[in-house]
Amino acid sequence: MAGRASNIQVWQYITAILLIGLLGFHLLQRVPWIWGFSTMDQTLTSSWVYHDYVSYGWALLLLAYVALFHGLNGVRGMLLELHQGKLYEITINVLFWIFFIVFAAIATATVVKLPPLP
């Protein structure tokens, strides 16, 4: 009988499923015929990309948060398998949250403080 998934594995599964949906949404933003364009290059112009940031900034932030959490949680899981001990586990968990908060703040500042298009 298979054992129960650990807390780390459960979060990996949840974020993996979220990433599939969010990346699908993100990639659909580049499909030209959905937006009435003839080539993919037209969906990559600065004005169109800026329009996406303004219109779907929440989705980009959610994608950044979920991808960041998924990646850092994977590294956290590998590090916790590498060595065991209460102090080591606490240190890894604290570093995980510090890295997550710092990089999430950078992602948030990038999208929220986006300058207006000239």
PDB file of N, CA and C in Angstrom:
ATOM      1  N   MET A   1       0.841  -1.174   0.000  1.00  0.00           N
ATOM      2  CA  MET A   1       0.000   0.000   0.000  1.00  0.00           C
ATOM      3  C   MET A   1       0.889   1.240   0.000  1.00  0.00           C
ATOM      4  N   ALA A   2       0.559   2.169  -0.821  1.00  0.00           N
ATOM      5  CA  ALA A   2       1.348   3.397  -0.930  1.00  0.00           C
ATOM      6  C   ALA A   2       1.116   4.280   0.288  1.00  0.00           C
ATOM      7  N   GLY A   3       2.194   4.971   0.704  1.00  0.00           N
ATOM      8  CA  GLY A   3       2.085   5.880   1.842  1.00  0.00           C
ATOM      9  C   GLY A   3       1.449   7.197   1.441  1.00  0.00           C
ATOM     10  N   ARG A   4       1.077   7.948   2.453  1.00  0.00           N
ATOM     11  CA  ARG A   4       0.486   9.258   2.195  1.00  0.00           C
ATOM     12  C   ARG A   4       1.563  10.219   1.707  1.00  0.00           C
ATOM     13  N   ALA A   5       1.159  11.153   0.879  1.00  0.00           N
ATOM     14  CA  ALA A   5       2.090  12.170   0.393  1.00  0.00           C
ATOM     15  C   ALA A   5       2.435  13.120   1.536  1.00  0.00           C
ATOM     16  N   SER A   6       3.683  13.556   1.544  1.00  0.00           N
ATOM     17  CA  SER A   6       4.096  14.513   2.571  1.00  0.00           C
ATOM     18  C   SER A   6       3.496  15.881   2.259  1.00  0.00           C
ATOM     19  N   ASN A   7       3.597  16.770   3.213  1.00  0.00           N
ATOM     20  CA  ASN A   7       3.095  18.132   3.054  1.00  0.00           C
ATOM     21  C   ASN A   7       3.768  18.817   1.863  1.00  0.00           C
ATOM     22  N   ILE A   8       5.078  18.590   1.713  1.00  0.00           N
ATOM     23  CA  ILE A   8       5.821  19.183   0.599  1.00  0.00           C
ATOM     24  C   ILE A   8       5.279  18.662  -0.727  1.00  0.00           C
ATOM     25  N   GLN A   9       5.041  17.347  -0.811  1.00  0.00           N
ATOM     26  CA  GLN A   9       4.531  16.758  -2.042  1.00  0.00           C
ATOM     27  C   GLN A   9       3.141  17.272  -2.380  1.00  0.00           C
ATOM     28  N   VAL A  10       2.303  17.413  -1.384  1.00  0.00           N
ATOM     29  CA  VAL A  10       0.942  17.912  -1.624  1.00  0.00           C
ATOM     30  C   VAL A  10       0.997  19.308  -2.225  1.00  0.00           C
ATOM     31  N   TRP A  11       1.836  20.181  -1.662  1.00  0.00           N
ATOM     32  CA  TRP A  11       1.966  21.533  -2.213  1.00  0.00           C
ATOM     33  C   TRP A  11       2.564  21.509  -3.613  1.00  0.00           C
ATOM     34  N   GLN A  12       3.472  20.569  -3.885  1.00  0.00           N
ATOM     35  CA  GLN A  12       4.021  20.441  -5.236  1.00  0.00           C
ATOM     36  C   GLN A  12       2.920  20.058  -6.218  1.00  0.00           C
ATOM     37  N   TYR A  13       2.050  19.143  -5.828  1.00  0.00           N
ATOM     38  CA  TYR A  13       0.946  18.729  -6.699  1.00  0.00           C
ATOM     39  C   TYR A  13      -0.015  19.889  -6.960  1.00  0.00           C
ATOM     40  N   ILE A  14      -0.364  20.605  -5.911  1.00  0.00           N
ATOM     41  CA  ILE A  14      -1.300  21.729  -6.048  1.00  0.00           C
ATOM     42  C   ILE A  14      -0.719  22.800  -6.961  1.00  0.00           C
ATOM     43  N   THR A  15       0.541  23.179  -6.716  1.00  0.00           N
ATOM     44  CA  THR A  15       1.139  24.241  -7.535  1.00  0.00           C
ATOM     45  C   THR A  15       1.390  23.768  -8.964  1.00  0.00           C
ATOM     46  N   ALA A  16       1.666  22.484  -9.159  1.00  0.00           N
ATOM     47  CA  ALA A  16       1.847  21.974 -10.520  1.00  0.00           C
ATOM     48  C   ALA A  16       0.548  22.088 -11.314  1.00  0.00           C
ATOM     49  N   ILE A  17      -0.562  21.747 -10.693  1.00  0.00           N
ATOM     50  CA  ILE A  17      -1.864  21.863 -11.365  1.00  0.00           C
ATOM     51  C   ILE A  17      -2.179  23.326 -11.668  1.00  0.00           C
ATOM     52  N   LEU A  18      -1.917  24.210 -10.706  1.00  0.00           N
ATOM     53  CA  LEU A  18      -2.133  25.642 -10.939  1.00  0.00           C
ATOM     54  C   LEU A  18      -1.242  26.159 -12.061  1.00  0.00           C
ATOM     55  N   LEU A  19       0.008  25.691 -12.106  1.00  0.00           N
ATOM     56  CA  LEU A  19       0.925  26.137 -13.157  1.00  0.00           C
ATOM     57  C   LEU A  19       0.437  25.737 -14.542  1.00  0.00           C
ATOM     58  N   ILE A  20      -0.128  24.558 -14.660  1.00  0.00           N
ATOM     59  CA  ILE A  20      -0.645  24.123 -15.961  1.00  0.00           C
ATOM     60  C   ILE A  20      -1.712  25.097 -16.452  1.00  0.00           C
ATOM     61  N   GLY A  21      -2.658  25.444 -15.598  1.00  0.00           N
ATOM     62  CA  GLY A  21      -3.709  26.388 -15.986  1.00  0.00           C
ATOM     63  C   GLY A  21      -3.181  27.782 -16.256  1.00  0.00           C
ATOM     64  N   LEU A  22      -2.317  28.277 -15.377  1.00  0.00           N
ATOM     65  CA  LEU A  22      -1.795  29.639 -15.539  1.00  0.00           C
ATOM     66  C   LEU A  22      -0.880  29.759 -16.754  1.00  0.00           C
ATOM     67  N   LEU A  23      -0.040  28.753 -16.988  1.00  0.00           N
ATOM     68  CA  LEU A  23       0.818  28.796 -18.173  1.00  0.00           C
ATOM     69  C   LEU A  23      -0.007  28.673 -19.448  1.00  0.00           C
ATOM     70  N   GLY A  24      -1.058  27.866 -19.404  1.00  0.00           N
ATOM     71  CA  GLY A  24      -1.949  27.779 -20.558  1.00  0.00           C
ATOM     72  C   GLY A  24      -2.577  29.125 -20.877  1.00  0.00           C
ATOM     73  N   PHE A  25      -3.063  29.812 -19.840  1.00  0.00           N
ATOM     74  CA  PHE A  25      -3.633  31.150 -20.023  1.00  0.00           C
ATOM     75  C   PHE A  25      -2.580  32.112 -20.571  1.00  0.00           C
ATOM     76  N   HIS A  26      -1.381  32.055 -20.015  1.00  0.00           N
ATOM     77  CA  HIS A  26      -0.299  32.941 -20.450  1.00  0.00           C
ATOM     78  C   HIS A  26       0.060  32.683 -21.919  1.00  0.00           C
ATOM     79  N   LEU A  27       0.152  31.421 -22.301  1.00  0.00           N
ATOM     80  CA  LEU A  27       0.512  31.101 -23.681  1.00  0.00           C
ATOM     81  C   LEU A  27      -0.607  31.445 -24.660  1.00  0.00           C
ATOM     82  N   LEU A  28      -1.850  31.368 -24.221  1.00  0.00           N
ATOM     83  CA  LEU A  28      -2.962  31.754 -25.094  1.00  0.00           C
ATOM     84  C   LEU A  28      -2.912  33.238 -25.453  1.00  0.00           C
ATOM     85  N   GLN A  29      -2.239  34.027 -24.628  1.00  0.00           N
ATOM     86  CA  GLN A  29      -2.102  35.455 -24.923  1.00  0.00           C
ATOM     87  C   GLN A  29      -1.264  35.691 -26.179  1.00  0.00           C
ATOM     88  N   ARG A  30      -0.513  34.705 -26.615  1.00  0.00           N
ATOM     89  CA  ARG A  30       0.354  34.840 -27.788  1.00  0.00           C
ATOM     90  C   ARG A  30      -0.221  34.191 -29.038  1.00  0.00           C
ATOM     91  N   VAL A  31      -1.370  33.536 -28.948  1.00  0.00           N
ATOM     92  CA  VAL A  31      -1.966  32.901 -30.129  1.00  0.00           C
ATOM     93  C   VAL A  31      -2.598  34.005 -30.972  1.00  0.00           C
ATOM     94  N   PRO A  32      -2.039  34.253 -32.173  1.00  0.00           N
ATOM     95  CA  PRO A  32      -2.463  35.431 -32.949  1.00  0.00           C
ATOM     96  C   PRO A  32      -3.927  35.431 -33.379  1.00  0.00           C
ATOM     97  N   TRP A  33      -4.461  34.297 -33.817  1.00  0.00           N
ATOM     98  CA  TRP A  33      -5.823  34.312 -34.363  1.00  0.00           C
ATOM     99  C   TRP A  33      -6.876  34.566 -33.303  1.00  0.00           C
ATOM    100  N   ILE A  34      -6.575  34.326 -32.030  1.00  0.00           N
ATOM    101  CA  ILE A  34      -7.538  34.636 -30.966  1.00  0.00           C
ATOM    102  C   ILE A  34      -7.752  36.138 -30.881  1.00  0.00           C
ATOM    103  N   TRP A  35      -6.691  36.897 -31.123  1.00  0.00           N
ATOM    104  CA  TRP A  35      -6.728  38.353 -30.949  1.00  0.00           C
ATOM    105  C   TRP A  35      -6.881  39.103 -32.271  1.00  0.00           C
ATOM    106  N   GLY A  36      -7.096  38.371 -33.363  1.00  0.00           N
ATOM    107  CA  GLY A  36      -7.330  39.023 -34.643  1.00  0.00           C
ATOM    108  C   GLY A  36      -6.058  39.438 -35.364  1.00  0.00           C
ATOM    109  N   PHE A  37      -4.933  38.859 -35.004  1.00  0.00           N
ATOM    110  CA  PHE A  37      -3.672  39.157 -35.680  1.00  0.00           C
ATOM    111  C   PHE A  37      -3.358  38.037 -36.654  1.00  0.00           C
ATOM    112  N   SER A  38      -2.457  38.336 -37.607  1.00  0.00           N
ATOM    113  CA  SER A  38      -2.104  37.306 -38.577  1.00  0.00           C
ATOM    114  C   SER A  38      -0.824  36.562 -38.205  1.00  0.00           C
ATOM    115  N   THR A  39       0.061  37.193 -37.432  1.00  0.00           N
ATOM    116  CA  THR A  39       1.307  36.521 -37.040  1.00  0.00           C
ATOM    117  C   THR A  39       1.546  36.676 -35.543  1.00  0.00           C
ATOM    118  N   MET A  40       2.364  35.786 -35.005  1.00  0.00           N
ATOM    119  CA  MET A  40       2.693  35.844 -33.584  1.00  0.00           C
ATOM    120  C   MET A  40       3.510  37.102 -33.265  1.00  0.00           C
ATOM    121  N   ASP A  41       4.305  37.567 -34.219  1.00  0.00           N
ATOM    122  CA  ASP A  41       5.112  38.773 -33.995  1.00  0.00           C
ATOM    123  C   ASP A  41       4.249  39.967 -33.599  1.00  0.00           C
ATOM    124  N   GLN A  42       3.044  40.032 -34.119  1.00  0.00           N
ATOM    125  CA  GLN A  42       2.164  41.160 -33.802  1.00  0.00           C
ATOM    126  C   GLN A  42       1.696  41.135 -32.354  1.00  0.00           C
ATOM    127  N   THR A  43       1.702  39.966 -31.714  1.00  0.00           N
ATOM    128  CA  THR A  43       1.323  39.889 -30.300  1.00  0.00           C
ATOM    129  C   THR A  43       2.501  40.174 -29.381  1.00  0.00           C
ATOM    130  N   LEU A  44       3.674  40.412 -29.951  1.00  0.00           N
ATOM    131  CA  LEU A  44       4.874  40.676 -29.152  1.00  0.00           C
ATOM    132  C   LEU A  44       5.338  42.127 -29.244  1.00  0.00           C
ATOM    133  N   THR A  45       4.533  42.995 -29.833  1.00  0.00           N
ATOM    134  CA  THR A  45       4.907  44.408 -29.885  1.00  0.00           C
ATOM    135  C   THR A  45       4.830  45.000 -28.481  1.00  0.00           C
ATOM    136  N   SER A  46       5.586  46.055 -28.263  1.00  0.00           N
ATOM    137  CA  SER A  46       5.634  46.644 -26.918  1.00  0.00           C
ATOM    138  C   SER A  46       4.258  47.125 -26.462  1.00  0.00           C
ATOM    139  N   SER A  47       3.479  47.682 -27.374  1.00  0.00           N
ATOM    140  CA  SER A  47       2.159  48.175 -26.969  1.00  0.00           C
ATOM    141  C   SER A  47       1.223  47.021 -26.594  1.00  0.00           C
ATOM    142  N   TRP A  48       1.306  45.899 -27.312  1.00  0.00           N
ATOM    143  CA  TRP A  48       0.433  44.769 -26.991  1.00  0.00           C
ATOM    144  C   TRP A  48       0.860  44.096 -25.687  1.00  0.00           C
ATOM    145  N   VAL A  49       2.169  43.952 -25.483  1.00  0.00           N
ATOM    146  CA  VAL A  49       2.666  43.357 -24.235  1.00  0.00           C
ATOM    147  C   VAL A  49       2.291  44.251 -23.058  1.00  0.00           C
ATOM    148  N   TYR A  50       2.402  45.570 -23.242  1.00  0.00           N
ATOM    149  CA  TYR A  50       2.001  46.500 -22.186  1.00  0.00           C
ATOM    150  C   TYR A  50       0.501  46.357 -21.892  1.00  0.00           C
ATOM    151  N   HIS A  51      -0.290  46.222 -22.937  1.00  0.00           N
ATOM    152  CA  HIS A  51      -1.739  46.014 -22.773  1.00  0.00           C
ATOM    153  C   HIS A  51      -2.002  44.766 -21.932  1.00  0.00           C
ATOM    154  N   ASP A  52      -1.249  43.694 -22.185  1.00  0.00           N
ATOM    155  CA  ASP A  52      -1.403  42.468 -21.390  1.00  0.00           C
ATOM    156  C   ASP A  52      -1.045  42.697 -19.931  1.00  0.00           C
ATOM    157  N   TYR A  53       0.028  43.441 -19.681  1.00  0.00           N
ATOM    158  CA  TYR A  53       0.412  43.743 -18.298  1.00  0.00           C
ATOM    159  C   TYR A  53      -0.697  44.503 -17.583  1.00  0.00           C
ATOM    160  N   VAL A  54      -1.250  45.485 -18.266  1.00  0.00           N
ATOM    161  CA  VAL A  54      -2.298  46.296 -17.644  1.00  0.00           C
ATOM    162  C   VAL A  54      -3.571  45.472 -17.441  1.00  0.00           C
ATOM    163  N   SER A  55      -3.948  44.698 -18.451  1.00  0.00           N
ATOM    164  CA  SER A  55      -5.200  43.942 -18.386  1.00  0.00           C
ATOM    165  C   SER A  55      -5.116  42.684 -17.528  1.00  0.00           C
ATOM    166  N   TYR A  56      -3.981  42.002 -17.594  1.00  0.00           N
ATOM    167  CA  TYR A  56      -3.857  40.702 -16.930  1.00  0.00           C
ATOM    168  C   TYR A  56      -2.699  40.660 -15.942  1.00  0.00           C
ATOM    169  N   GLY A  57      -2.387  41.795 -15.352  1.00  0.00           N
ATOM    170  CA  GLY A  57      -1.302  41.843 -14.371  1.00  0.00           C
ATOM    171  C   GLY A  57      -1.528  40.897 -13.211  1.00  0.00           C
ATOM    172  N   TRP A  58      -2.786  40.743 -12.811  1.00  0.00           N
ATOM    173  CA  TRP A  58      -3.111  39.829 -11.712  1.00  0.00           C
ATOM    174  C   TRP A  58      -2.725  38.402 -12.069  1.00  0.00           C
ATOM    175  N   ALA A  59      -2.927  38.011 -13.329  1.00  0.00           N
ATOM    176  CA  ALA A  59      -2.599  36.647 -13.746  1.00  0.00           C
ATOM    177  C   ALA A  59      -1.086  36.449 -13.809  1.00  0.00           C
ATOM    178  N   LEU A  60      -0.376  37.488 -14.256  1.00  0.00           N
ATOM    179  CA  LEU A  60       1.081  37.394 -14.288  1.00  0.00           C
ATOM    180  C   LEU A  60       1.657  37.287 -12.887  1.00  0.00           C
ATOM    181  N   LEU A  61       1.092  38.053 -11.959  1.00  0.00           N
ATOM    182  CA  LEU A  61       1.554  37.967 -10.573  1.00  0.00           C
ATOM    183  C   LEU A  61       1.244  36.595  -9.980  1.00  0.00           C
ATOM    184  N   LEU A  62       0.054  36.096 -10.229  1.00  0.00           N
ATOM    185  CA  LEU A  62      -0.305  34.775  -9.720  1.00  0.00           C
ATOM    186  C   LEU A  62       0.614  33.710 -10.310  1.00  0.00           C
ATOM    187  N   LEU A  63       0.902  33.815 -11.605  1.00  0.00           N
ATOM    188  CA  LEU A  63       1.826  32.889 -12.251  1.00  0.00           C
ATOM    189  C   LEU A  63       3.209  32.980 -11.610  1.00  0.00           C
ATOM    190  N   ALA A  64       3.688  34.196 -11.376  1.00  0.00           N
ATOM    191  CA  ALA A  64       5.004  34.373 -10.748  1.00  0.00           C
ATOM    192  C   ALA A  64       5.024  33.787  -9.342  1.00  0.00           C
ATOM    193  N   TYR A  65       3.989  34.052  -8.561  1.00  0.00           N
ATOM    194  CA  TYR A  65       3.931  33.532  -7.186  1.00  0.00           C
ATOM    195  C   TYR A  65       3.902  32.002  -7.169  1.00  0.00           C
ATOM    196  N   VAL A  66       3.056  31.423  -8.008  1.00  0.00           N
ATOM    197  CA  VAL A  66       2.914  29.965  -8.014  1.00  0.00           C
ATOM    198  C   VAL A  66       4.198  29.301  -8.520  1.00  0.00           C
ATOM    199  N   ALA A  67       4.793  29.846  -9.593  1.00  0.00           N
ATOM    200  CA  ALA A  67       6.039  29.278 -10.117  1.00  0.00           C
ATOM    201  C   ALA A  67       7.170  29.406  -9.099  1.00  0.00           C
ATOM    202  N   LEU A  68       7.246  30.551  -8.450  1.00  0.00           N
ATOM    203  CA  LEU A  68       8.270  30.767  -7.427  1.00  0.00           C
ATOM    204  C   LEU A  68       8.081  29.794  -6.266  1.00  0.00           C
ATOM    205  N   PHE A  69       6.862  29.665  -5.789  1.00  0.00           N
ATOM    206  CA  PHE A  69       6.584  28.749  -4.680  1.00  0.00           C
ATOM    207  C   PHE A  69       6.905  27.316  -5.080  1.00  0.00           C
ATOM    208  N   HIS A  70       6.496  26.924  -6.281  1.00  0.00           N
ATOM    209  CA  HIS A  70       6.719  25.565  -6.763  1.00  0.00           C
ATOM    210  C   HIS A  70       8.217  25.254  -6.833  1.00  0.00           C
ATOM    211  N   GLY A  71       8.980  26.174  -7.417  1.00  0.00           N
ATOM    212  CA  GLY A  71      10.422  25.962  -7.547  1.00  0.00           C
ATOM    213  C   GLY A  71      11.137  25.939  -6.210  1.00  0.00           C
ATOM    214  N   LEU A  72      10.851  26.931  -5.374  1.00  0.00           N
ATOM    215  CA  LEU A  72      11.501  26.986  -4.059  1.00  0.00           C
ATOM    216  C   LEU A  72      11.087  25.810  -3.179  1.00  0.00           C
ATOM    217  N   ASN A  73       9.839  25.393  -3.269  1.00  0.00           N
ATOM    218  CA  ASN A  73       9.376  24.253  -2.483  1.00  0.00           C
ATOM    219  C   ASN A  73      10.069  22.967  -2.936  1.00  0.00           C
ATOM    220  N   GLY A  74      10.333  22.851  -4.223  1.00  0.00           N
ATOM    221  CA  GLY A  74      11.074  21.692  -4.725  1.00  0.00           C
ATOM    222  C   GLY A  74      12.497  21.662  -4.188  1.00  0.00           C
ATOM    223  N   VAL A  75      13.161  22.821  -4.209  1.00  0.00           N
ATOM    224  CA  VAL A  75      14.516  22.917  -3.653  1.00  0.00           C
ATOM    225  C   VAL A  75      14.480  22.631  -2.154  1.00  0.00           C
ATOM    226  N   ARG A  76      13.485  23.176  -1.477  1.00  0.00           N
ATOM    227  CA  ARG A  76      13.321  22.942  -0.037  1.00  0.00           C
ATOM    228  C   ARG A  76      13.187  21.451   0.252  1.00  0.00           C
ATOM    229  N   GLY A  77      12.371  20.769  -0.526  1.00  0.00           N
ATOM    230  CA  GLY A  77      12.190  19.331  -0.345  1.00  0.00           C
ATOM    231  C   GLY A  77      13.484  18.559  -0.540  1.00  0.00           C
ATOM    232  N   MET A  78      14.257  18.936  -1.571  1.00  0.00           N
ATOM    233  CA  MET A  78      15.537  18.262  -1.805  1.00  0.00           C
ATOM    234  C   MET A  78      16.517  18.519  -0.666  1.00  0.00           C
ATOM    235  N   LEU A  79      16.566  19.758  -0.184  1.00  0.00           N
ATOM    236  CA  LEU A  79      17.474  20.080   0.920  1.00  0.00           C
ATOM    237  C   LEU A  79      17.083  19.362   2.206  1.00  0.00           C
ATOM    238  N   LEU A  80      15.790  19.214   2.448  1.00  0.00           N
ATOM    239  CA  LEU A  80      15.349  18.510   3.654  1.00  0.00           C
ATOM    240  C   LEU A  80      15.642  17.010   3.576  1.00  0.00           C
ATOM    241  N   GLU A  81      15.728  16.463   2.364  1.00  0.00           N
ATOM    242  CA  GLU A  81      16.107  15.061   2.208  1.00  0.00           C
ATOM    243  C   GLU A  81      17.608  14.867   2.356  1.00  0.00           C
ATOM    244  N   LEU A  82      18.370  15.922   2.105  1.00  0.00           N
ATOM    245  CA  LEU A  82      19.827  15.853   2.140  1.00  0.00           C
ATOM    246  C   LEU A  82      20.365  15.659   3.554  1.00  0.00           C
ATOM    247  N   HIS A  83      19.755  16.316   4.505  1.00  0.00           N
ATOM    248  CA  HIS A  83      20.229  16.278   5.893  1.00  0.00           C
ATOM    249  C   HIS A  83      19.010  16.346   6.804  1.00  0.00           C
ATOM    250  N   GLN A  84      19.135  15.785   7.994  1.00  0.00           N
ATOM    251  CA  GLN A  84      18.010  15.820   8.920  1.00  0.00           C
ATOM    252  C   GLN A  84      18.441  16.403  10.254  1.00  0.00           C
ATOM    253  N   GLY A  85      17.519  17.011  10.902  1.00  0.00           N
ATOM    254  CA  GLY A  85      17.759  17.630  12.199  1.00  0.00           C
ATOM    255  C   GLY A  85      16.803  18.796  12.364  1.00  0.00           C
ATOM    256  N   LYS A  86      16.397  19.045  13.594  1.00  0.00           N
ATOM    257  CA  LYS A  86      15.390  20.083  13.846  1.00  0.00           C
ATOM    258  C   LYS A  86      15.907  21.468  13.467  1.00  0.00           C
ATOM    259  N   LEU A  87      17.137  21.817  13.873  1.00  0.00           N
ATOM    260  CA  LEU A  87      17.698  23.133  13.560  1.00  0.00           C
ATOM    261  C   LEU A  87      17.867  23.310  12.052  1.00  0.00           C
ATOM    262  N   TYR A  88      18.340  22.266  11.380  1.00  0.00           N
ATOM    263  CA  TYR A  88      18.506  22.312   9.929  1.00  0.00           C
ATOM    264  C   TYR A  88      17.156  22.538   9.245  1.00  0.00           C
ATOM    265  N   GLU A  89      16.139  21.809   9.682  1.00  0.00           N
ATOM    266  CA  GLU A  89      14.803  21.943   9.095  1.00  0.00           C
ATOM    267  C   GLU A  89      14.247  23.350   9.301  1.00  0.00           C
ATOM    268  N   ILE A  90      14.405  23.884  10.495  1.00  0.00           N
ATOM    269  CA  ILE A  90      13.929  25.248  10.777  1.00  0.00           C
ATOM    270  C   ILE A  90      14.667  26.257   9.906  1.00  0.00           C
ATOM    271  N   THR A  91      15.991  26.097   9.775  1.00  0.00           N
ATOM    272  CA  THR A  91      16.794  27.009   8.954  1.00  0.00           C
ATOM    273  C   THR A  91      16.336  26.984   7.502  1.00  0.00           C
ATOM    274  N   ILE A  92      16.139  25.796   6.953  1.00  0.00           N
ATOM    275  CA  ILE A  92      15.696  25.666   5.558  1.00  0.00           C
ATOM    276  C   ILE A  92      14.315  26.288   5.380  1.00  0.00           C
ATOM    277  N   ASN A  93      13.410  26.050   6.305  1.00  0.00           N
ATOM    278  CA  ASN A  93      12.057  26.615   6.205  1.00  0.00           C
ATOM    279  C   ASN A  93      12.072  28.137   6.295  1.00  0.00           C
ATOM    280  N   VAL A  94      12.886  28.688   7.189  1.00  0.00           N
ATOM    281  CA  VAL A  94      12.987  30.150   7.310  1.00  0.00           C
ATOM    282  C   VAL A  94      13.582  30.742   6.039  1.00  0.00           C
ATOM    283  N   LEU A  95      14.647  30.117   5.517  1.00  0.00           N
ATOM    284  CA  LEU A  95      15.248  30.606   4.270  1.00  0.00           C
ATOM    285  C   LEU A  95      14.269  30.516   3.108  1.00  0.00           C
ATOM    286  N   PHE A  96      13.469  29.459   3.068  1.00  0.00           N
ATOM    287  CA  PHE A  96      12.444  29.314   2.031  1.00  0.00           C
ATOM    288  C   PHE A  96      11.517  30.523   2.035  1.00  0.00           C
ATOM    289  N   TRP A  97      10.997  30.878   3.216  1.00  0.00           N
ATOM    290  CA  TRP A  97      10.048  31.994   3.300  1.00  0.00           C
ATOM    291  C   TRP A  97      10.723  33.333   3.036  1.00  0.00           C
ATOM    292  N   ILE A  98      11.967  33.498   3.454  1.00  0.00           N
ATOM    293  CA  ILE A  98      12.685  34.746   3.159  1.00  0.00           C
ATOM    294  C   ILE A  98      12.849  34.909   1.656  1.00  0.00           C
ATOM    295  N   PHE A  99      13.343  33.863   0.981  1.00  0.00           N
ATOM    296  CA  PHE A  99      13.511  33.934  -0.472  1.00  0.00           C
ATOM    297  C   PHE A  99      12.173  34.166  -1.163  1.00  0.00           C
ATOM    298  N   PHE A 100      11.139  33.463  -0.728  1.00  0.00           N
ATOM    299  CA  PHE A 100       9.829  33.628  -1.358  1.00  0.00           C
ATOM    300  C   PHE A 100       9.326  35.058  -1.208  1.00  0.00           C
ATOM    301  N   ILE A 101       9.402  35.610  -0.020  1.00  0.00           N
ATOM    302  CA  ILE A 101       8.894  36.972   0.220  1.00  0.00           C
ATOM    303  C   ILE A 101       9.693  37.997  -0.569  1.00  0.00           C
ATOM    304  N   VAL A 102      11.015  37.872  -0.596  1.00  0.00           N
ATOM    305  CA  VAL A 102      11.855  38.833  -1.327  1.00  0.00           C
ATOM    306  C   VAL A 102      11.540  38.794  -2.821  1.00  0.00           C
ATOM    307  N   PHE A 103      11.530  37.604  -3.411  1.00  0.00           N
ATOM    308  CA  PHE A 103      11.290  37.520  -4.850  1.00  0.00           C
ATOM    309  C   PHE A 103       9.835  37.814  -5.220  1.00  0.00           C
ATOM    310  N   ALA A 104       8.897  37.498  -4.355  1.00  0.00           N
ATOM    311  CA  ALA A 104       7.501  37.871  -4.601  1.00  0.00           C
ATOM    312  C   ALA A 104       7.344  39.387  -4.559  1.00  0.00           C
ATOM    313  N   ALA A 105       8.070  40.048  -3.660  1.00  0.00           N
ATOM    314  CA  ALA A 105       8.024  41.512  -3.597  1.00  0.00           C
ATOM    315  C   ALA A 105       8.614  42.128  -4.861  1.00  0.00           C
ATOM    316  N   ILE A 106       9.687  41.548  -5.372  1.00  0.00           N
ATOM    317  CA  ILE A 106      10.280  42.042  -6.622  1.00  0.00           C
ATOM    318  C   ILE A 106       9.292  41.869  -7.778  1.00  0.00           C
ATOM    319  N   ALA A 107       8.637  40.722  -7.859  1.00  0.00           N
ATOM    320  CA  ALA A 107       7.643  40.491  -8.918  1.00  0.00           C
ATOM    321  C   ALA A 107       6.486  41.469  -8.800  1.00  0.00           C
ATOM    322  N   THR A 108       6.027  41.692  -7.587  1.00  0.00           N
ATOM    323  CA  THR A 108       4.919  42.627  -7.361  1.00  0.00           C
ATOM    324  C   THR A 108       5.314  44.034  -7.761  1.00  0.00           C
ATOM    325  N   ALA A 109       6.498  44.467  -7.360  1.00  0.00           N
ATOM    326  CA  ALA A 109       6.960  45.817  -7.708  1.00  0.00           C
ATOM    327  C   ALA A 109       7.104  45.976  -9.215  1.00  0.00           C
ATOM    328  N   THR A 110       7.521  44.925  -9.890  1.00  0.00           N
ATOM    329  CA  THR A 110       7.686  44.987 -11.345  1.00  0.00           C
ATOM    330  C   THR A 110       6.354  45.229 -12.043  1.00  0.00           C
ATOM    331  N   VAL A 111       5.308  44.547 -11.616  1.00  0.00           N
ATOM    332  CA  VAL A 111       4.002  44.681 -12.269  1.00  0.00           C
ATOM    333  C   VAL A 111       3.260  45.917 -11.780  1.00  0.00           C
ATOM    334  N   VAL A 112       3.277  46.172 -10.478  1.00  0.00           N
ATOM    335  CA  VAL A 112       2.505  47.283  -9.916  1.00  0.00           C
ATOM    336  C   VAL A 112       3.092  48.635 -10.309  1.00  0.00           C
ATOM    337  N   LYS A 113       4.392  48.741 -10.345  1.00  0.00           N
ATOM    338  CA  LYS A 113       5.031  50.022 -10.643  1.00  0.00           C
ATOM    339  C   LYS A 113       5.357  50.177 -12.122  1.00  0.00           C
ATOM    340  N   LEU A 114       4.648  49.472 -12.956  1.00  0.00           N
ATOM    341  CA  LEU A 114       4.867  49.565 -14.392  1.00  0.00           C
ATOM    342  C   LEU A 114       4.558  50.983 -14.860  1.00  0.00           C
ATOM    343  N   PRO A 115       5.521  51.650 -15.500  1.00  0.00           N
ATOM    344  CA  PRO A 115       5.272  53.030 -15.928  1.00  0.00           C
ATOM    345  C   PRO A 115       4.256  53.084 -17.069  1.00  0.00           C
ATOM    346  N   PRO A 116       3.567  54.204 -17.200  1.00  0.00           N
ATOM    347  CA  PRO A 116       2.599  54.337 -18.301  1.00  0.00           C
ATOM    348  C   PRO A 116       3.305  54.345 -19.650  1.00  0.00           C
ATOM    349  N   LEU A 117       2.634  53.811 -20.637  1.00  0.00           N
ATOM    350  CA  LEU A 117       3.183  53.767 -21.989  1.00  0.00           C
ATOM    351  C   LEU A 117       3.185  55.178 -22.571  1.00  0.00           C
ATOM    352  N   PRO A 118       4.324  55.616 -23.108  1.00  0.00           N
ATOM    353  CA  PRO A 118       4.370  56.996 -23.665  1.00  0.00           C
ATOM    354  C   PRO A 118       3.512  57.170 -24.897  1.00  0.00           C
TER     355      PRO A 118
END
